[in-house]
Amino acid sequence: MRFTKLLFLAVAAVAVAAPAQAQEKSRLLQIVERGTLRVGTTGDFNPMSIRDPATKSFKGYEIDAAEDLAKALGVKLELVPTDWPTLVAGIAAGRYDIFMGGSSMHTGRAKTVAYSVPYIETGTVPVFQKSAAGKFKSWDDINQAGVTVAVVLGTVFDQQARQHFPKATIKAVQPPASGFQEVLAGRADVAITSSIDAQGIIARHAALGHLPLEAARNKRPFGYIVAQGDPTWLNYVDTWIHLKKSEGFFAALEKKWFGGDGK
């Protein structure tokens, strides 16, 4: 009787453990078995991730990187459109395996998602009408009553604007609207964005300018976002980044997309 009872308990333990083990299958194995790498990206961060509204197709620095990661895995690439306010929820819900759209690392998101090792660094700069360059010569000039600063809701710039400009009015807009578009339309005086984005913006819009890049604040590395609790998948992504940095892959992407050669 004792042996039978012990056997029953052992079988029950295996039965309970089996589903748990299935749930703990690494995302890396799931990707390989599925044959598809699902990459979340926003398409609204030029030149990192750009979506053509007519064709719905994507291009940019991060899209090139996603294609290379899928190639390294030996699987097809599936780009999953997302937006900044819901990108963390998309990771948590398993809508995509990784977010590649140009996300700076910060502790707020790190509470619920995991970041890869850094692959690039950027800072935050204010963008404004060139006609207002005489008015906005420093960050302190922006932190004044009567100045409206536009940011995209749910981004790090939303948080940074409230930190740096407590005296100004912060206007948070919903994507696909952007902060610099509010400045162009005259609905805001200033927008803040990454130094990467700022260079692309002023290249496309001659009416806009920004503070010198040397004045950038909140300098932060960029990291790819994956779900927490999966060290195998995170290790693979980190290893891929290390190898690609050594090979000059990311340097070549910077030259292509930040040097004016992106098509």
C-alpha atoms as a PDB file:
ATOM      1  CA  MET A   1       0.000   0.000   0.000  1.00  0.00           C
ATOM      2  CA  ARG A   2       2.811   2.370   0.905  1.00  0.00           C
ATOM      3  CA  PHE A   3       4.583   1.684  -2.417  1.00  0.00           C
ATOM      4  CA  THR A   4       1.351   2.276  -4.375  1.00  0.00           C
ATOM      5  CA  LYS A   5       0.759   5.555  -2.595  1.00  0.00           C
ATOM      6  CA  LEU A   6       4.317   6.720  -3.291  1.00  0.00           C
ATOM      7  CA  LEU A   7       4.000   5.723  -6.959  1.00  0.00           C
ATOM      8  CA  PHE A   8       0.741   7.675  -7.236  1.00  0.00           C
ATOM      9  CA  LEU A   9       2.357  10.752  -5.708  1.00  0.00           C
ATOM     10  CA  ALA A  10       5.321  10.484  -8.066  1.00  0.00           C
ATOM     11  CA  VAL A  11       3.085  10.191 -11.143  1.00  0.00           C
ATOM     12  CA  ALA A  12       0.983  13.130  -9.955  1.00  0.00           C
ATOM     13  CA  ALA A  13       4.098  15.234  -9.463  1.00  0.00           C
ATOM     14  CA  VAL A  14       5.233  14.480 -13.022  1.00  0.00           C
ATOM     15  CA  ALA A  15       1.765  15.327 -14.361  1.00  0.00           C
ATOM     16  CA  VAL A  16       1.794  18.651 -12.563  1.00  0.00           C
ATOM     17  CA  ALA A  17       5.361  19.440 -13.583  1.00  0.00           C
ATOM     18  CA  ALA A  18       4.822  18.674 -17.284  1.00  0.00           C
ATOM     19  CA  PRO A  19       2.558  21.652 -18.051  1.00  0.00           C
ATOM     20  CA  ALA A  20       4.868  23.936 -16.066  1.00  0.00           C
ATOM     21  CA  GLN A  21       7.841  22.756 -18.101  1.00  0.00           C
ATOM     22  CA  ALA A  22       5.892  23.331 -21.327  1.00  0.00           C
ATOM     23  CA  GLN A  23       5.101  26.867 -20.237  1.00  0.00           C
ATOM     24  CA  GLU A  24       8.772  27.465 -19.429  1.00  0.00           C
ATOM     25  CA  LYS A  25       9.899  26.611 -22.969  1.00  0.00           C
ATOM     26  CA  SER A  26      12.282  29.336 -24.041  1.00  0.00           C
ATOM     27  CA  ARG A  27      11.141  31.900 -26.569  1.00  0.00           C
ATOM     28  CA  LEU A  28      14.224  30.935 -28.573  1.00  0.00           C
ATOM     29  CA  LEU A  29      12.942  27.371 -29.013  1.00  0.00           C
ATOM     30  CA  GLN A  30       9.439  28.643 -29.778  1.00  0.00           C
ATOM     31  CA  ILE A  31      10.804  30.906 -32.531  1.00  0.00           C
ATOM     32  CA  VAL A  32      12.816  28.109 -34.115  1.00  0.00           C
ATOM     33  CA  GLU A  33       9.892  25.680 -33.954  1.00  0.00           C
ATOM     34  CA  ARG A  34       7.486  28.293 -35.332  1.00  0.00           C
ATOM     35  CA  GLY A  35       9.905  29.287 -38.078  1.00  0.00           C
ATOM     36  CA  THR A  36       9.077  32.958 -37.574  1.00  0.00           C
ATOM     37  CA  LEU A  37      10.565  35.803 -35.540  1.00  0.00           C
ATOM     38  CA  ARG A  38       7.821  38.244 -34.539  1.00  0.00           C
ATOM     39  CA  VAL A  39       9.230  41.736 -34.078  1.00  0.00           C
ATOM     40  CA  GLY A  40       7.171  44.563 -32.628  1.00  0.00           C
ATOM     41  CA  THR A  41       7.930  47.996 -34.096  1.00  0.00           C
ATOM     42  CA  THR A  42       6.134  51.350 -34.273  1.00  0.00           C
ATOM     43  CA  GLY A  43       7.021  52.743 -37.683  1.00  0.00           C
ATOM     44  CA  ASP A  44       6.981  56.334 -36.365  1.00  0.00           C
ATOM     45  CA  PHE A  45      10.622  56.864 -35.366  1.00  0.00           C
ATOM     46  CA  ASN A  46      12.605  58.035 -38.379  1.00  0.00           C
ATOM     47  CA  PRO A  47      15.207  56.735 -39.214  1.00  0.00           C
ATOM     48  CA  MET A  48      14.916  53.838 -36.743  1.00  0.00           C
ATOM     49  CA  SER A  49      11.533  52.458 -37.806  1.00  0.00           C
ATOM     50  CA  ILE A  50       9.555  54.033 -40.651  1.00  0.00           C
ATOM     51  CA  ARG A  51       6.202  52.820 -41.960  1.00  0.00           C
ATOM     52  CA  ASP A  52       4.911  53.829 -45.385  1.00  0.00           C
ATOM     53  CA  PRO A  53       1.223  54.760 -44.861  1.00  0.00           C
ATOM     54  CA  ALA A  54       0.366  53.766 -48.429  1.00  0.00           C
ATOM     55  CA  THR A  55       2.006  50.331 -48.597  1.00  0.00           C
ATOM     56  CA  LYS A  56       2.094  49.611 -44.826  1.00  0.00           C
ATOM     57  CA  SER A  57       5.671  48.413 -45.345  1.00  0.00           C
ATOM     58  CA  PHE A  58       8.513  49.171 -42.925  1.00  0.00           C
ATOM     59  CA  LYS A  59      12.080  50.332 -43.400  1.00  0.00           C
ATOM     60  CA  GLY A  60      14.820  51.814 -41.245  1.00  0.00           C
ATOM     61  CA  TYR A  61      17.785  51.054 -39.019  1.00  0.00           C
ATOM     62  CA  GLU A  62      15.823  48.697 -36.772  1.00  0.00           C
ATOM     63  CA  ILE A  63      14.185  46.914 -39.684  1.00  0.00           C
ATOM     64  CA  ASP A  64      17.605  46.118 -41.158  1.00  0.00           C
ATOM     65  CA  ALA A  65      18.661  44.838 -37.732  1.00  0.00           C
ATOM     66  CA  ALA A  66      15.506  42.724 -37.394  1.00  0.00           C
ATOM     67  CA  GLU A  67      16.127  41.157 -40.797  1.00  0.00           C
ATOM     68  CA  ASP A  68      19.657  40.227 -39.755  1.00  0.00           C
ATOM     69  CA  LEU A  69      18.482  38.743 -36.442  1.00  0.00           C
ATOM     70  CA  ALA A  70      15.895  36.613 -38.248  1.00  0.00           C
ATOM     71  CA  LYS A  71      18.583  35.483 -40.692  1.00  0.00           C
ATOM     72  CA  ALA A  72      20.866  34.504 -37.808  1.00  0.00           C
ATOM     73  CA  LEU A  73      18.026  32.449 -36.333  1.00  0.00           C
ATOM     74  CA  GLY A  74      17.301  30.839 -39.689  1.00  0.00           C
ATOM     75  CA  VAL A  75      13.638  31.902 -39.630  1.00  0.00           C
ATOM     76  CA  LYS A  76      11.303  34.298 -41.437  1.00  0.00           C
ATOM     77  CA  LEU A  77      10.710  37.819 -40.150  1.00  0.00           C
ATOM     78  CA  GLU A  78       7.211  38.971 -39.191  1.00  0.00           C
ATOM     79  CA  LEU A  79       6.888  42.669 -38.330  1.00  0.00           C
ATOM     80  CA  VAL A  80       4.070  43.376 -35.868  1.00  0.00           C
ATOM     81  CA  PRO A  81       2.843  46.999 -35.780  1.00  0.00           C
ATOM     82  CA  THR A  82       2.596  48.427 -32.264  1.00  0.00           C
ATOM     83  CA  ASP A  83       2.741  51.806 -30.544  1.00  0.00           C
ATOM     84  CA  TRP A  84       4.682  53.285 -27.637  1.00  0.00           C
ATOM     85  CA  PRO A  85       1.943  53.242 -24.979  1.00  0.00           C
ATOM     86  CA  THR A  86       1.224  49.525 -25.510  1.00  0.00           C
ATOM     87  CA  LEU A  87       4.607  48.074 -26.455  1.00  0.00           C
ATOM     88  CA  VAL A  88       5.273  46.678 -22.964  1.00  0.00           C
ATOM     89  CA  ALA A  89       1.805  45.118 -22.851  1.00  0.00           C
ATOM     90  CA  GLY A  90       2.485  43.568 -26.253  1.00  0.00           C
ATOM     91  CA  ILE A  91       5.643  41.915 -24.933  1.00  0.00           C
ATOM     92  CA  ALA A  92       3.858  40.688 -21.797  1.00  0.00           C
ATOM     93  CA  ALA A  93       0.968  39.286 -23.852  1.00  0.00           C
ATOM     94  CA  GLY A  94       3.318  37.491 -26.252  1.00  0.00           C
ATOM     95  CA  ARG A  95       2.155  39.424 -29.334  1.00  0.00           C
ATOM     96  CA  TYR A  96       5.775  39.598 -30.451  1.00  0.00           C
ATOM     97  CA  ASP A  97       9.066  38.031 -29.370  1.00  0.00           C
ATOM     98  CA  ILE A  98      11.088  41.231 -29.219  1.00  0.00           C
ATOM     99  CA  PHE A  99      10.592  44.971 -29.632  1.00  0.00           C
ATOM    100  CA  MET A 100      12.972  46.617 -32.112  1.00  0.00           C
ATOM    101  CA  GLY A 101      11.991  50.209 -32.706  1.00  0.00           C
ATOM    102  CA  GLY A 102      14.571  52.411 -31.008  1.00  0.00           C
ATOM    103  CA  SER A 103      13.863  52.211 -27.280  1.00  0.00           C
ATOM    104  CA  SER A 104      16.166  53.881 -24.783  1.00  0.00           C
ATOM    105  CA  MET A 105      16.770  51.952 -21.592  1.00  0.00           C
ATOM    106  CA  HIS A 106      15.166  53.184 -18.384  1.00  0.00           C
ATOM    107  CA  THR A 107      14.218  51.720 -15.039  1.00  0.00           C
ATOM    108  CA  GLY A 108      10.480  52.265 -15.438  1.00  0.00           C
ATOM    109  CA  ARG A 109      10.103  49.729 -18.246  1.00  0.00           C
ATOM    110  CA  ALA A 110      12.750  47.474 -16.685  1.00  0.00           C
ATOM    111  CA  LYS A 111      10.317  46.740 -13.878  1.00  0.00           C
ATOM    112  CA  THR A 112       8.173  44.690 -16.258  1.00  0.00           C
ATOM    113  CA  VAL A 113      10.381  43.814 -19.258  1.00  0.00           C
ATOM    114  CA  ALA A 114      14.010  42.890 -19.893  1.00  0.00           C
ATOM    115  CA  TYR A 115      16.514  44.860 -21.953  1.00  0.00           C
ATOM    116  CA  SER A 116      19.294  43.460 -24.089  1.00  0.00           C
ATOM    117  CA  VAL A 117      22.819  44.800 -23.819  1.00  0.00           C
ATOM    118  CA  PRO A 118      23.137  48.267 -25.436  1.00  0.00           C
ATOM    119  CA  TYR A 119      23.835  48.608 -29.142  1.00  0.00           C
ATOM    120  CA  ILE A 120      23.753  52.420 -29.558  1.00  0.00           C
ATOM    121  CA  GLU A 121      23.553  55.557 -27.401  1.00  0.00           C
ATOM    122  CA  THR A 122      21.503  58.706 -27.863  1.00  0.00           C
ATOM    123  CA  GLY A 123      20.480  61.815 -25.938  1.00  0.00           C
ATOM    124  CA  THR A 124      17.435  64.086 -25.737  1.00  0.00           C
ATOM    125  CA  VAL A 125      17.346  67.465 -27.505  1.00  0.00           C
ATOM    126  CA  PRO A 126      14.633  70.130 -27.877  1.00  0.00           C
ATOM    127  CA  VAL A 127      13.276  70.884 -31.360  1.00  0.00           C
ATOM    128  CA  PHE A 128      11.626  74.200 -32.247  1.00  0.00           C
ATOM    129  CA  GLN A 129      10.941  76.604 -35.095  1.00  0.00           C
ATOM    130  CA  LYS A 130      14.147  78.171 -36.398  1.00  0.00           C
ATOM    131  CA  SER A 131      12.440  81.522 -36.002  1.00  0.00           C
ATOM    132  CA  ALA A 132      12.424  80.885 -32.233  1.00  0.00           C
ATOM    133  CA  ALA A 133      16.125  80.023 -32.024  1.00  0.00           C
ATOM    134  CA  GLY A 134      16.863  83.373 -30.423  1.00  0.00           C
ATOM    135  CA  LYS A 135      14.287  82.673 -27.729  1.00  0.00           C
ATOM    136  CA  PHE A 136      15.361  79.112 -26.947  1.00  0.00           C
ATOM    137  CA  LYS A 137      19.120  79.149 -26.464  1.00  0.00           C
ATOM    138  CA  SER A 138      19.165  76.721 -23.539  1.00  0.00           C
ATOM    139  CA  TRP A 139      17.058  74.215 -21.632  1.00  0.00           C
ATOM    140  CA  ASP A 140      16.355  76.873 -19.017  1.00  0.00           C
ATOM    141  CA  ASP A 141      14.828  79.125 -21.657  1.00  0.00           C
ATOM    142  CA  ILE A 142      12.239  76.415 -22.341  1.00  0.00           C
ATOM    143  CA  ASN A 143      11.370  75.890 -18.692  1.00  0.00           C
ATOM    144  CA  GLN A 144       9.200  78.989 -18.523  1.00  0.00           C
ATOM    145  CA  ALA A 145       5.507  79.718 -18.000  1.00  0.00           C
ATOM    146  CA  GLY A 146       3.765  80.237 -21.312  1.00  0.00           C
ATOM    147  CA  VAL A 147       5.939  77.729 -23.179  1.00  0.00           C
ATOM    148  CA  THR A 148       4.176  74.595 -24.480  1.00  0.00           C
ATOM    149  CA  VAL A 149       6.252  71.435 -24.887  1.00  0.00           C
ATOM    150  CA  ALA A 150       4.781  68.632 -27.015  1.00  0.00           C
ATOM    151  CA  VAL A 151       5.626  64.969 -26.418  1.00  0.00           C
ATOM    152  CA  VAL A 152       4.215  61.605 -27.465  1.00  0.00           C
ATOM    153  CA  LEU A 153       2.184  59.959 -24.729  1.00  0.00           C
ATOM    154  CA  GLY A 154       3.817  56.905 -23.160  1.00  0.00           C
ATOM    155  CA  THR A 155       7.364  57.664 -24.307  1.00  0.00           C
ATOM    156  CA  VAL A 156      10.395  58.473 -22.185  1.00  0.00           C
ATOM    157  CA  PHE A 157      10.148  62.037 -23.519  1.00  0.00           C
ATOM    158  CA  ASP A 158       6.796  62.446 -21.779  1.00  0.00           C
ATOM    159  CA  GLN A 159       8.514  61.696 -18.470  1.00  0.00           C
ATOM    160  CA  GLN A 160      11.591  63.780 -19.251  1.00  0.00           C
ATOM    161  CA  ALA A 161       9.571  66.850 -20.237  1.00  0.00           C
ATOM    162  CA  ARG A 162       7.789  66.847 -16.878  1.00  0.00           C
ATOM    163  CA  GLN A 163      11.143  66.513 -15.146  1.00  0.00           C
ATOM    164  CA  HIS A 164      12.988  69.246 -17.043  1.00  0.00           C
ATOM    165  CA  PHE A 165      10.171  71.721 -17.632  1.00  0.00           C
ATOM    166  CA  PRO A 166       8.007  71.926 -14.488  1.00  0.00           C
ATOM    167  CA  LYS A 167       7.140  75.559 -15.254  1.00  0.00           C
ATOM    168  CA  ALA A 168       6.099  74.905 -18.859  1.00  0.00           C
ATOM    169  CA  THR A 169       2.873  73.380 -20.166  1.00  0.00           C
ATOM    170  CA  ILE A 170       3.317  69.756 -21.243  1.00  0.00           C
ATOM    171  CA  LYS A 171       1.127  68.651 -24.142  1.00  0.00           C
ATOM    172  CA  ALA A 172       1.045  64.857 -24.552  1.00  0.00           C
ATOM    173  CA  VAL A 173      -0.294  63.709 -27.927  1.00  0.00           C
ATOM    174  CA  GLN A 174      -1.493  60.269 -28.945  1.00  0.00           C
ATOM    175  CA  PRO A 175       0.400  58.455 -31.721  1.00  0.00           C
ATOM    176  CA  PRO A 176       0.506  58.568 -34.699  1.00  0.00           C
ATOM    177  CA  ALA A 177       0.727  62.305 -33.896  1.00  0.00           C
ATOM    178  CA  SER A 178       4.215  63.485 -32.987  1.00  0.00           C
ATOM    179  CA  GLY A 179       5.651  66.321 -30.950  1.00  0.00           C
ATOM    180  CA  PHE A 180       7.469  68.023 -33.812  1.00  0.00           C
ATOM    181  CA  GLN A 181       4.276  68.069 -35.897  1.00  0.00           C
ATOM    182  CA  GLU A 182       2.650  70.075 -33.107  1.00  0.00           C
ATOM    183  CA  VAL A 183       5.536  72.545 -33.366  1.00  0.00           C
ATOM    184  CA  LEU A 184       5.215  72.739 -37.143  1.00  0.00           C
ATOM    185  CA  ALA A 185       1.483  73.393 -36.826  1.00  0.00           C
ATOM    186  CA  GLY A 186       2.023  76.111 -34.228  1.00  0.00           C
ATOM    187  CA  ARG A 187       0.197  74.213 -31.498  1.00  0.00           C
ATOM    188  CA  ALA A 188       3.364  73.886 -29.398  1.00  0.00           C
ATOM    189  CA  ASP A 189       6.585  75.866 -29.019  1.00  0.00           C
ATOM    190  CA  VAL A 190       8.977  72.988 -28.431  1.00  0.00           C
ATOM    191  CA  ALA A 191       9.148  69.214 -28.768  1.00  0.00           C
ATOM    192  CA  ILE A 192      11.802  66.981 -27.261  1.00  0.00           C
ATOM    193  CA  THR A 193      13.059  63.864 -28.933  1.00  0.00           C
ATOM    194  CA  SER A 194      16.201  61.786 -29.337  1.00  0.00           C
ATOM    195  CA  SER A 195      19.256  63.293 -30.997  1.00  0.00           C
ATOM    196  CA  ILE A 196      18.849  60.614 -33.659  1.00  0.00           C
ATOM    197  CA  ASP A 197      15.283  61.611 -34.441  1.00  0.00           C
ATOM    198  CA  ALA A 198      16.085  65.330 -34.271  1.00  0.00           C
ATOM    199  CA  GLN A 199      18.689  65.093 -37.027  1.00  0.00           C
ATOM    200  CA  GLY A 200      16.235  63.371 -39.321  1.00  0.00           C
ATOM    201  CA  ILE A 201      13.477  65.858 -38.500  1.00  0.00           C
ATOM    202  CA  ILE A 202      15.468  68.973 -39.352  1.00  0.00           C
ATOM    203  CA  ALA A 203      16.768  67.302 -42.514  1.00  0.00           C
ATOM    204  CA  ARG A 204      13.163  66.864 -43.679  1.00  0.00           C
ATOM    205  CA  HIS A 205      11.748  70.144 -42.363  1.00  0.00           C
ATOM    206  CA  ALA A 206      13.811  73.239 -43.105  1.00  0.00           C
ATOM    207  CA  ALA A 207      11.669  75.370 -40.765  1.00  0.00           C
ATOM    208  CA  LEU A 208      12.830  73.441 -37.702  1.00  0.00           C
ATOM    209  CA  GLY A 209      16.027  73.524 -35.682  1.00  0.00           C
ATOM    210  CA  HIS A 210      17.288  72.136 -32.366  1.00  0.00           C
ATOM    211  CA  LEU A 211      19.706  72.904 -29.573  1.00  0.00           C
ATOM    212  CA  PRO A 212      23.280  71.760 -30.261  1.00  0.00           C
ATOM    213  CA  LEU A 213      23.729  68.016 -29.867  1.00  0.00           C
ATOM    214  CA  GLU A 214      26.432  68.766 -27.303  1.00  0.00           C
ATOM    215  CA  ALA A 215      23.654  70.119 -25.063  1.00  0.00           C
ATOM    216  CA  ALA A 216      21.758  66.819 -25.140  1.00  0.00           C
ATOM    217  CA  ARG A 217      20.474  65.564 -21.802  1.00  0.00           C
ATOM    218  CA  ASN A 218      19.361  62.151 -20.569  1.00  0.00           C
ATOM    219  CA  LYS A 219      22.018  60.370 -22.569  1.00  0.00           C
ATOM    220  CA  ARG A 220      21.017  56.752 -22.596  1.00  0.00           C
ATOM    221  CA  PRO A 221      21.848  53.541 -24.402  1.00  0.00           C
ATOM    222  CA  PHE A 222      19.290  51.793 -26.566  1.00  0.00           C
ATOM    223  CA  GLY A 223      18.412  48.163 -25.857  1.00  0.00           C
ATOM    224  CA  TYR A 224      16.033  45.670 -27.438  1.00  0.00           C
ATOM    225  CA  ILE A 225      13.081  44.657 -25.267  1.00  0.00           C
ATOM    226  CA  VAL A 226      12.097  41.061 -24.477  1.00  0.00           C
ATOM    227  CA  ALA A 227       9.972  39.415 -21.805  1.00  0.00           C
ATOM    228  CA  GLN A 228      11.431  38.881 -18.343  1.00  0.00           C
ATOM    229  CA  GLY A 229      12.241  35.413 -17.039  1.00  0.00           C
ATOM    230  CA  ASP A 230      13.730  33.960 -20.216  1.00  0.00           C
ATOM    231  CA  PRO A 231      17.542  34.062 -19.883  1.00  0.00           C
ATOM    232  CA  THR A 232      18.034  31.710 -22.844  1.00  0.00           C
ATOM    233  CA  TRP A 233      16.353  34.049 -25.329  1.00  0.00           C
ATOM    234  CA  LEU A 234      17.948  37.143 -23.793  1.00  0.00           C
ATOM    235  CA  ASN A 235      21.382  35.497 -23.947  1.00  0.00           C
ATOM    236  CA  TYR A 236      20.897  34.754 -27.647  1.00  0.00           C
ATOM    237  CA  VAL A 237      19.962  38.362 -28.398  1.00  0.00           C
ATOM    238  CA  ASP A 238      22.886  39.667 -26.337  1.00  0.00           C
ATOM    239  CA  THR A 239      25.309  37.318 -28.092  1.00  0.00           C
ATOM    240  CA  TRP A 240      24.019  38.419 -31.501  1.00  0.00           C
ATOM    241  CA  ILE A 241      24.530  42.087 -30.534  1.00  0.00           C
ATOM    242  CA  HIS A 242      28.085  41.467 -29.288  1.00  0.00           C
ATOM    243  CA  LEU A 243      29.007  39.639 -32.487  1.00  0.00           C
ATOM    244  CA  LYS A 244      27.419  42.254 -34.741  1.00  0.00           C
ATOM    245  CA  LYS A 245      29.158  45.110 -32.939  1.00  0.00           C
ATOM    246  CA  SER A 246      32.479  43.308 -33.389  1.00  0.00           C
ATOM    247  CA  GLU A 247      31.747  42.811 -37.087  1.00  0.00           C
ATOM    248  CA  GLY A 248      30.927  46.502 -37.586  1.00  0.00           C
ATOM    249  CA  PHE A 249      27.291  45.801 -38.445  1.00  0.00           C
ATOM    250  CA  PHE A 250      25.822  48.499 -36.191  1.00  0.00           C
ATOM    251  CA  ALA A 251      28.456  51.021 -37.282  1.00  0.00           C
ATOM    252  CA  ALA A 252      27.414  50.380 -40.878  1.00  0.00           C
ATOM    253  CA  LEU A 253      23.749  50.905 -39.968  1.00  0.00           C
ATOM    254  CA  GLU A 254      24.629  54.239 -38.355  1.00  0.00           C
ATOM    255  CA  LYS A 255      26.451  55.344 -41.494  1.00  0.00           C
ATOM    256  CA  LYS A 256      23.556  54.272 -43.704  1.00  0.00           C
ATOM    257  CA  TRP A 257      20.661  55.705 -41.707  1.00  0.00           C
ATOM    258  CA  PHE A 258      22.229  58.602 -39.777  1.00  0.00           C
ATOM    259  CA  GLY A 259      24.665  59.728 -42.460  1.00  0.00           C
ATOM    260  CA  GLY A 260      22.028  60.614 -45.039  1.00  0.00           C
ATOM    261  CA  ASP A 261      22.519  57.471 -47.140  1.00  0.00           C
ATOM    262  CA  GLY A 262      19.294  55.729 -46.116  1.00  0.00           C
ATOM    263  CA  LYS A 263      16.914  55.034 -48.986  1.00  0.00           C
END
